[in-house]
Protein backbone atom coordinates (compact mmCIF):
# COMPACT_ATOMS: atom_id res chain seq x y z
CA MET A 1 -62.31 -5.93 95.67
CA LYS A 2 -63.73 -6.97 92.34
CA ASP A 3 -67.24 -6.05 93.53
CA GLN A 4 -66.01 -2.59 94.53
CA LEU A 5 -64.74 -1.94 91.00
CA GLN A 6 -67.81 -3.32 89.26
CA HIS A 7 -69.93 -0.30 88.40
CA ILE A 8 -73.52 -0.03 87.27
CA MET A 9 -72.31 0.43 83.69
CA THR A 10 -70.23 -2.36 82.16
CA GLU A 11 -66.48 -2.14 82.76
CA LYS A 12 -65.94 -1.20 79.11
CA ASP A 13 -68.62 1.50 79.16
CA THR A 14 -67.37 2.83 82.49
CA LEU A 15 -63.81 3.20 81.24
CA THR A 16 -65.00 4.81 77.99
CA TYR A 17 -67.10 7.27 79.96
CA CYS A 18 -64.28 8.14 82.38
CA LYS A 19 -61.65 8.59 79.67
CA SER A 20 -63.96 11.01 77.86
CA LYS A 21 -63.98 13.22 80.98
CA ILE A 22 -60.18 13.50 81.39
CA HIS A 23 -58.93 17.02 80.70
CA SER A 24 -56.99 17.28 77.44
CA LEU A 25 -54.06 18.94 79.25
CA PHE A 26 -53.30 15.68 81.07
CA ARG A 27 -53.57 13.31 78.13
CA ASP A 28 -50.39 11.92 76.60
CA THR A 29 -48.33 13.18 79.53
CA SER A 30 -46.46 11.53 82.40
CA ILE A 31 -48.74 13.18 84.97
CA GLU A 32 -49.69 10.69 87.69
CA LYS A 33 -50.92 12.95 90.50
CA ILE A 34 -54.10 15.01 90.29
CA CYS A 35 -55.24 17.57 92.85
CA ILE A 36 -58.92 18.54 92.56
CA VAL A 37 -59.52 22.14 93.61
CA PRO A 38 -63.12 23.26 94.31
CA ALA A 39 -63.00 26.60 92.49
CA TYR A 40 -64.73 28.03 89.42
CA ASP A 41 -61.76 29.37 87.44
CA ARG A 42 -62.16 29.95 83.71
CA ILE A 43 -58.74 31.61 83.49
CA LYS A 44 -57.04 28.22 83.70
CA THR A 45 -56.73 26.00 80.60
CA ILE A 46 -60.03 24.96 79.02
CA SER A 47 -60.14 21.38 77.74
CA ASP A 48 -59.99 20.81 73.98
CA THR A 49 -63.00 18.50 74.32
CA GLU A 50 -65.27 21.16 75.81
CA LYS A 51 -68.30 21.57 73.54
CA ASN A 52 -69.18 24.92 71.99
CA ASP A 53 -72.32 24.02 70.05
CA LYS A 54 -74.86 24.73 72.79
CA LEU A 55 -75.77 27.50 75.21
CA PHE A 56 -75.89 25.51 78.44
CA ASN A 57 -74.18 22.75 80.41
CA TYR A 58 -70.99 22.85 78.38
CA LYS A 59 -68.41 24.51 80.64
CA ARG A 60 -66.28 21.82 82.24
CA PRO A 61 -63.43 21.83 84.79
CA THR A 62 -60.29 23.74 83.81
CA ALA A 63 -56.72 22.67 84.54
CA GLU A 64 -53.04 23.50 84.89
CA ILE A 65 -49.81 21.60 85.60
CA ILE A 66 -47.42 22.70 88.37
CA ASP A 67 -44.31 20.70 89.33
CA ASP A 68 -45.49 17.45 87.71
CA THR A 69 -48.87 17.61 89.43
CA GLY A 70 -52.10 18.19 87.55
CA TYR A 71 -54.57 20.61 89.12
CA LEU A 72 -58.23 20.28 88.15
CA TYR A 73 -60.51 23.22 88.98
CA VAL A 74 -64.15 22.15 89.35
CA PHE A 75 -67.16 24.22 90.34
CA PRO A 76 -67.32 23.92 94.15
CA GLY A 77 -69.80 21.19 95.06
CA LYS A 78 -69.09 18.18 97.26
CA ASP A 79 -70.81 15.72 94.89
CA TYR A 80 -69.10 17.20 91.84
CA VAL A 81 -65.69 16.88 93.50
CA ARG A 82 -66.49 13.30 94.50
CA HIS A 83 -67.62 12.45 90.96
CA TYR A 84 -64.43 13.75 89.34
CA LYS A 85 -62.29 12.07 91.97
CA LYS A 86 -63.86 8.74 91.00
CA ILE A 87 -63.35 9.47 87.30
CA TYR A 88 -59.63 10.15 87.64
CA GLU A 89 -59.06 7.27 90.04
CA ARG A 90 -60.80 4.93 87.61
CA CYS A 91 -58.30 6.03 84.94
CA GLY A 92 -55.33 5.24 87.19
CA TYR A 93 -54.42 8.64 88.62
CA LYS A 94 -53.49 9.25 92.26
CA VAL A 95 -56.03 11.83 93.37
CA THR A 96 -56.27 14.23 96.30
CA SER A 97 -59.18 16.61 96.78
CA LYS A 98 -60.76 19.17 99.07
CA THR A 99 -64.46 18.91 99.89
CA PRO A 100 -66.29 22.27 99.79
CA THR A 101 -69.12 23.19 102.15
CA GLN A 102 -72.62 24.10 100.98
CA ALA A 103 -71.91 27.70 102.01
CA GLN A 104 -68.90 27.76 99.66
CA THR A 105 -71.10 26.50 96.83
CA THR A 106 -73.67 29.23 97.47
CA ARG A 107 -70.97 31.92 97.60
CA ALA A 108 -69.54 30.76 94.27
CA LEU A 109 -73.00 31.03 92.70
CA ARG A 110 -73.71 34.41 94.25
CA ASN A 111 -70.53 35.78 92.65
CA ILE A 112 -71.78 35.01 89.12
CA PHE A 113 -75.55 35.30 89.54
CA PRO A 114 -77.24 37.77 87.15
CA THR A 115 -78.58 40.94 88.74
CA ASP A 116 -81.55 41.32 86.37
CA MET A 117 -83.51 38.14 87.17
CA PRO A 118 -87.26 39.01 87.09
CA ASP A 119 -89.95 37.99 89.58
CA CYS A 120 -92.24 35.27 88.23
CA ASP A 121 -94.63 32.44 89.10
CA VAL A 122 -92.58 29.47 87.87
CA ILE A 123 -88.89 28.87 87.19
CA LEU A 124 -87.99 25.98 84.92
CA LEU A 125 -84.54 24.39 85.09
CA GLY A 126 -82.92 21.64 83.06
CA TYR A 127 -83.40 21.02 79.35
CA VAL A 128 -84.39 24.64 78.76
CA GLU A 129 -82.68 25.21 75.41
CA ALA A 130 -84.88 22.55 73.78
CA LEU A 131 -88.03 23.40 75.75
CA VAL A 132 -88.22 27.18 75.53
CA PRO A 133 -89.92 28.83 72.52
CA SER A 134 -87.41 30.09 69.96
CA VAL A 135 -88.69 33.67 70.00
CA GLY A 136 -86.99 36.32 72.12
CA GLU A 137 -83.43 36.80 73.28
CA TRP A 138 -81.78 35.25 76.30
CA GLN A 139 -80.94 37.70 79.08
CA GLY A 140 -78.40 37.39 81.90
CA ASN A 141 -74.66 36.81 81.62
CA ASP A 142 -72.14 34.34 80.22
CA ASP A 143 -72.71 31.83 83.03
CA ILE A 144 -76.44 32.05 83.76
CA LYS A 145 -79.09 33.13 81.25
CA TRP A 146 -82.85 33.48 81.52
CA LYS A 147 -85.87 34.02 79.29
CA LEU A 148 -89.37 35.08 80.39
CA GLU A 149 -92.47 33.56 78.75
CA MET A 150 -96.19 33.84 79.48
CA ILE A 151 -97.83 30.40 79.59
CA ASN A 152 -101.54 30.16 80.36
CA GLY A 153 -101.45 33.42 82.28
CA GLN A 154 -98.37 32.44 84.30
CA LYS A 155 -94.99 34.18 84.21
CA VAL A 156 -92.49 31.40 83.54
CA VAL A 157 -88.75 32.04 83.57
CA PHE A 158 -86.51 29.48 81.86
CA VAL A 159 -83.08 29.48 83.52
CA GLY A 160 -80.08 27.99 81.74
CA VAL A 161 -76.64 27.51 83.29
CA ALA A 162 -73.44 27.19 81.26
CA PHE A 163 -71.68 24.91 83.77
CA SER A 164 -72.94 21.69 85.34
CA TYR A 165 -74.92 22.13 88.57
CA TRP A 166 -74.15 18.54 89.51
CA GLY A 167 -75.47 17.07 92.75
CA ASN A 168 -75.75 19.46 95.68
CA ILE A 169 -74.80 22.44 93.49
CA ILE A 170 -78.45 22.57 92.40
CA TYR A 171 -79.43 23.07 96.07
CA SER A 172 -77.63 26.42 95.98
CA VAL A 173 -79.11 27.22 92.55
CA VAL A 174 -82.63 26.77 93.96
CA GLU A 175 -81.64 28.74 97.07
CA MET A 176 -80.59 31.67 94.86
CA LEU A 177 -83.79 31.46 92.78
CA ALA A 178 -86.17 31.13 95.74
CA LYS A 179 -86.78 34.86 96.13
CA TYR A 180 -87.95 35.21 92.51
CA CYS A 181 -90.67 32.53 92.27
CA SER A 182 -93.09 30.23 94.10
CA THR A 183 -92.60 27.09 91.98
CA ILE A 184 -89.51 25.28 90.67
CA ILE A 185 -89.82 22.67 87.91
CA TYR A 186 -86.83 20.57 86.93
CA ALA A 187 -87.06 19.08 83.42
CA GLY A 188 -83.85 17.21 82.76
CA LYS A 189 -82.62 13.65 82.29
CA LEU A 190 -82.05 10.70 84.63
CA GLY A 191 -81.29 7.00 84.83
CA SER A 192 -83.72 4.16 85.50
CA LEU A 193 -83.24 0.98 87.51
CA SER A 194 -86.23 -0.64 85.79
CA SER A 195 -85.73 -2.79 82.70
CA SER A 196 -89.15 -1.65 81.43
CA ASP A 197 -88.04 1.98 81.01
CA ILE A 198 -86.59 2.40 77.52
CA PRO A 199 -83.85 5.06 77.32
CA ASN A 200 -84.80 8.21 75.39
CA ALA A 201 -88.39 6.97 75.10
CA THR A 202 -89.62 7.16 78.71
CA ILE A 203 -90.71 10.28 80.61
CA ALA A 204 -90.29 10.01 84.39
CA THR A 205 -91.84 11.80 87.34
CA GLY A 206 -92.49 11.13 91.02
CA ASP A 207 -93.06 12.57 94.49
CA SER A 208 -90.09 11.37 96.56
CA SER A 209 -86.31 11.11 96.60
CA TYR A 210 -83.79 9.64 99.01
CA VAL A 211 -80.98 12.17 99.38
CA ASP A 212 -78.11 12.63 101.81
CA GLY A 213 -79.51 10.07 104.26
CA SER A 214 -83.12 11.30 104.29
CA LEU A 215 -86.34 10.77 102.32
CA ILE A 216 -87.77 13.97 100.82
CA THR A 217 -91.39 14.04 99.62
CA TRP A 218 -93.55 16.61 97.82
CA ASN A 219 -96.89 17.03 96.04
CA ASN A 220 -96.19 16.09 92.42
CA LEU A 221 -97.65 18.53 89.88
CA PHE A 222 -97.39 15.84 87.18
CA LYS A 223 -99.07 13.01 89.08
CA LYS A 224 -101.01 10.82 86.62
CA SER A 225 -99.91 12.96 83.68
CA PRO A 226 -100.35 11.19 80.34
CA LEU A 227 -97.35 9.49 78.73
CA THR A 228 -95.35 9.44 81.97
CA VAL A 229 -94.24 6.74 84.40
CA GLU A 230 -93.98 7.34 88.14
CA GLY A 231 -91.67 5.92 90.76
CA ALA A 232 -89.42 6.46 93.78
CA HIS A 233 -86.15 8.30 93.16
CA TYR A 234 -82.64 7.98 94.62
CA THR A 235 -80.18 10.87 94.52
CA LEU A 236 -76.69 9.50 93.90
CA PRO A 237 -73.51 11.61 94.22
CA SER A 238 -71.91 9.93 91.18
CA VAL A 239 -72.96 7.64 88.35
CA LEU A 240 -69.84 5.61 89.14
CA GLU A 241 -71.35 3.50 91.89
CA THR A 242 -70.95 -0.18 92.73
CA ALA A 243 -72.99 -3.17 91.63
CA LYS A 244 -73.75 -3.78 95.30
CA TRP A 245 -75.65 -0.48 95.48
CA TYR A 246 -77.62 -1.35 92.34
CA ASN A 247 -78.56 -4.81 93.59
CA GLU A 248 -79.71 -3.40 96.93
CA SER A 249 -81.69 -0.54 95.39
CA LYS A 250 -83.30 -1.88 92.21
CA ASP A 251 -86.39 -3.16 94.05
CA LYS A 252 -86.79 0.00 96.19
CA TYR A 253 -86.23 2.76 93.66
CA ARG A 254 -87.10 3.25 90.01
CA PHE A 255 -85.14 6.38 89.09
CA VAL A 256 -81.71 7.79 89.90
CA ASP A 257 -79.75 10.96 89.21
CA SER A 258 -77.60 13.44 91.12
CA GLU A 259 -79.86 16.52 91.28
CA ILE A 260 -83.56 15.85 91.91
CA GLY A 261 -83.32 15.14 95.64
CA TRP A 262 -81.16 18.20 96.28
CA ALA A 263 -83.53 20.44 94.28
CA ALA A 264 -86.51 19.07 96.21
CA LYS A 265 -84.72 19.52 99.55
CA ALA A 266 -83.93 23.16 98.71
CA ALA A 267 -87.52 23.77 97.61
CA ASN A 268 -88.78 22.35 100.92
CA ASP A 269 -86.25 24.40 102.91
CA PHE A 270 -87.14 27.66 101.15
CA GLY A 271 -90.92 27.20 100.90
CA LEU A 272 -91.27 26.46 97.18
CA VAL A 273 -93.50 24.10 95.22
CA PHE A 274 -91.35 21.52 93.40
CA SER A 275 -91.80 18.83 90.77
CA TYR A 276 -89.72 17.15 88.10
CA LEU A 277 -90.43 15.79 84.63
CA ASN A 278 -87.32 14.03 83.28
CA LEU A 279 -86.42 11.96 80.26
CA VAL A 280 -84.86 8.56 80.98
CA THR A 281 -81.56 8.53 79.06
CA ASP A 282 -79.81 5.58 80.69
CA SER A 283 -80.91 2.18 82.00
CA LEU A 284 -78.86 0.74 84.84
CA SER A 285 -80.20 -2.72 84.00
CA GLY A 286 -77.65 -2.92 81.19
CA LEU A 287 -80.25 -4.28 78.75
CA PHE A 288 -80.09 -1.37 76.30
CA SER A 289 -77.36 -0.15 73.96
CA GLU A 290 -78.24 3.52 74.54
CA ASN A 291 -76.50 4.83 77.67
CA LEU A 292 -74.20 7.61 78.88
CA THR A 293 -71.57 6.70 76.27
CA THR A 294 -73.93 7.08 73.28
CA GLU A 295 -75.51 10.43 74.18
CA GLY A 296 -73.85 12.28 71.30
CA GLU A 297 -74.98 9.93 68.52
CA SER A 298 -77.33 11.49 65.96
CA ALA A 299 -79.97 8.74 66.21
CA VAL A 300 -80.10 9.16 69.99
CA LEU A 301 -80.37 12.94 69.77
CA LYS A 302 -83.12 12.67 67.15
CA LYS A 303 -85.20 10.35 69.32
CA ARG A 304 -84.55 12.49 72.38
CA LEU A 305 -85.93 15.60 70.68
CA GLN A 306 -89.17 13.76 69.91
CA TYR A 307 -89.76 13.00 73.56
CA VAL A 308 -88.58 16.41 74.75
CA SER A 309 -91.41 17.78 72.59
CA ILE A 310 -93.87 15.55 74.45
CA MET A 311 -92.41 16.83 77.74
CA ARG A 312 -93.02 20.34 76.48
CA ALA A 313 -96.68 19.59 75.75
CA ILE A 314 -97.15 18.11 79.23
CA LEU A 315 -95.45 21.11 80.86
CA TRP A 316 -97.58 23.59 78.94
CA HIS A 317 -100.70 21.67 79.91
CA ARG A 318 -99.86 21.68 83.61
CA ILE A 319 -98.48 25.19 84.06
CA GLY A 320 -101.32 27.50 84.97
CA ALA A 321 -103.87 24.70 84.75
CA GLU A 322 -106.02 26.38 87.39
CA GLN A 323 -106.34 29.48 85.21
CA SER A 324 -106.50 28.00 81.72
CA VAL A 325 -106.12 24.55 80.19
CA SER A 326 -104.62 24.70 76.71
CA LEU A 327 -104.13 20.99 76.13
CA PHE A 328 -106.33 18.23 77.55
CA SER A 329 -104.67 15.04 78.69
CA GLU A 330 -107.11 13.01 76.58
CA VAL A 331 -105.44 14.39 73.46
CA LEU A 332 -102.05 13.11 74.56
CA LYS A 333 -103.54 9.77 75.59
CA ALA A 334 -105.20 9.40 72.20
CA GLN A 335 -101.91 10.14 70.46
CA GLN A 336 -100.04 7.61 72.59
CA SER A 337 -102.70 5.01 71.83
CA ARG A 338 -102.21 5.54 68.11
CA VAL A 339 -98.43 5.22 68.51
CA ASP A 340 -98.77 2.05 70.61
CA LYS A 341 -101.02 0.44 67.99
CA GLY A 342 -98.58 1.28 65.22
CA TYR A 343 -100.92 3.67 63.43
CA MET A 344 -98.37 6.48 63.50
CA GLU A 345 -94.91 7.27 64.78
CA PRO A 346 -94.10 9.95 67.39
CA LEU A 347 -93.66 13.22 65.56
CA GLU A 348 -90.40 15.10 65.51
CA ARG A 349 -90.22 18.70 66.64
CA ASN A 350 -90.39 19.84 63.03
CA TRP A 351 -92.82 22.66 62.34
CA LYS A 352 -92.92 22.17 58.57
CA ALA A 353 -93.61 18.45 58.85
CA CYS A 354 -96.22 18.99 61.56
CA LEU A 355 -98.01 21.66 59.55
CA ALA A 356 -98.05 19.44 56.48
CA PHE A 357 -99.47 16.56 58.51
CA ALA A 358 -102.08 18.76 60.18
CA TYR A 359 -103.14 20.32 56.88
CA HIS A 360 -103.41 16.91 55.21
CA THR A 361 -105.58 15.33 57.93
CA GLN A 362 -107.83 18.38 58.09
CA GLU A 363 -108.37 18.51 54.34
CA GLU A 364 -108.88 14.76 54.18
CA ALA A 365 -111.65 14.87 56.76
CA TRP A 366 -113.65 17.56 55.03
CA GLU A 367 -113.04 16.04 51.59
CA VAL A 368 -114.80 12.88 52.77
CA VAL A 369 -117.79 14.94 53.85
CA ARG A 370 -117.91 16.98 50.61
CA GLU A 371 -117.73 13.93 48.35
CA LEU A 372 -120.55 11.97 49.98
CA PRO A 373 -123.54 11.83 47.59
CA ARG A 374 -126.75 13.00 49.17
CA ARG A 375 -128.49 9.72 48.34
CA GLN A 376 -126.07 7.85 50.60
CA TRP A 377 -127.18 10.02 53.47
CA LYS A 378 -130.82 9.58 52.49
CA GLU A 379 -130.51 5.81 52.17
CA GLN A 380 -128.59 5.68 55.46
CA LYS A 381 -125.61 3.96 53.87
CA VAL A 382 -123.48 6.33 55.90
CA ASN A 383 -123.34 5.98 59.66
CA PRO A 384 -123.32 9.57 60.97
CA GLU A 385 -121.84 8.54 64.32
CA ALA A 386 -119.00 6.61 62.66
CA LEU A 387 -118.29 9.52 60.33
CA LEU A 388 -118.28 11.98 63.23
CA SER A 389 -115.92 9.68 65.11
CA GLU A 390 -113.48 9.68 62.19
CA ILE A 391 -113.58 13.48 61.96
CA VAL A 392 -113.00 13.82 65.71
CA ASP A 393 -110.10 11.38 65.39
CA THR A 394 -108.43 13.58 62.79
CA GLN A 395 -109.01 16.58 65.04
CA ILE A 396 -107.22 14.77 67.87
CA GLN A 397 -104.29 14.17 65.53
CA LEU A 398 -104.35 17.82 64.52
CA LEU A 399 -104.42 19.16 68.08
CA THR A 400 -101.70 16.78 69.22
CA THR A 401 -99.52 17.67 66.26
CA LEU A 402 -99.86 21.37 66.97
CA ALA A 403 -99.12 20.78 70.65
CA TYR A 404 -95.99 18.79 69.85
CA ALA A 405 -94.82 21.49 67.47
CA GLY A 406 -95.23 24.14 70.13
CA PHE A 407 -97.90 26.30 68.49
CA ASP A 408 -99.75 28.65 70.81
CA GLU A 409 -103.14 30.34 70.47
CA GLN A 410 -101.69 33.30 68.56
CA ASP A 411 -100.04 30.98 66.04
CA LEU A 412 -103.36 29.24 65.39
CA THR A 413 -105.26 32.52 65.08
CA GLU A 414 -102.78 33.88 62.55
CA GLY A 415 -102.92 30.59 60.63
CA VAL A 416 -106.71 30.73 60.33
CA ILE A 417 -106.64 34.37 59.19
CA LYS A 418 -104.04 33.52 56.55
CA LYS A 419 -106.20 30.63 55.36
CA LEU A 420 -109.28 32.85 55.08
CA HIS A 421 -107.32 35.40 53.05
CA ALA A 422 -106.08 32.79 50.59
CA ASN A 423 -109.16 33.29 48.31
CA ARG A 424 -109.36 29.61 47.50
CA PRO A 425 -112.32 28.72 45.23
CA ASP A 426 -113.57 26.03 47.61
CA TRP A 427 -113.77 28.46 50.54
CA LYS A 428 -116.82 30.67 50.90
CA LYS A 429 -116.07 34.35 51.18
């Protein structure tokens, strides 16, 4: 019995996590019975703890109380129902639930799906609010929004969803999107079973997932991408699983979450190309202080944004690579090498800071060249190859900085024109 209650998080962390998910309507009441209803109903009471500081993944189950029984209305998905059932049981409630079919999940999505979704080459799901360029307005409706961007000649639609498409719900999301694109990329977050994967500092990818009793495989678009780690994935209905599962799986699988396998299965079923590029945000090894209970802390969010920016650079490099390569993997590798050796820290997604850094390194390189006396060249006291190497090194820093900051070709062109029009005395007209 003890083993059945021992979850992959510590008991303290598990209880903290579960309590944070209890609807505010049920707190400080004598309610003991909870009935979980698989229905998307925003008319019922919204929890006081529901966040309102982001566009996506903030709408949570609603609730009401009838005859001393609490009713929790969750978006219809069998894994989502199972997850919330475990949460409420862990907090001591007596829970009953109804398990929806996949067809019910698809119908619920069809009822709220935007009618103006455009055709495109690639659809990107997941951490879209942080990944998408800031220009342009989001289209769609209050539940599902989209934004179209051209990346290396490819039409890429970023799709954001206001509610959680937990577990098999994402299967129906991909099913609905299948007629608009040929490729689905999921860029989200997951857990790792490996003690070598540091939370919020490891980017994961792979080409397989065990889901719903079967192994799903695909051709990974991000295979051997720089700054990533690869491994086998397990799709778990709920993060509240037993220690027995962890002990049996830690040597077989490296990554775990509730969506990747279902998204891959849907892509296979509907003839789409699929890959994922996810940030590790939790380690099931229990060796790190950063986990599901610390996600809202400012230090964690700050670090996460740094690595989301790296994810963005990798995505931009891979999308449309057959048509145009805007960022070579060697640049990212060089940057990672400098970080590993302690020469520089990973840069934040801060345009002003990145521009200042880029400007400084560029000016510094050419200042060295300008200040070299001619006699040093003549007397061969300067090694031309070494000097060229240093200049190239600063260029690598510059390119990587610009890539992290999200600058595109038009940004760079406009920047050069502005520089040429500055009428500086040290620039030839």
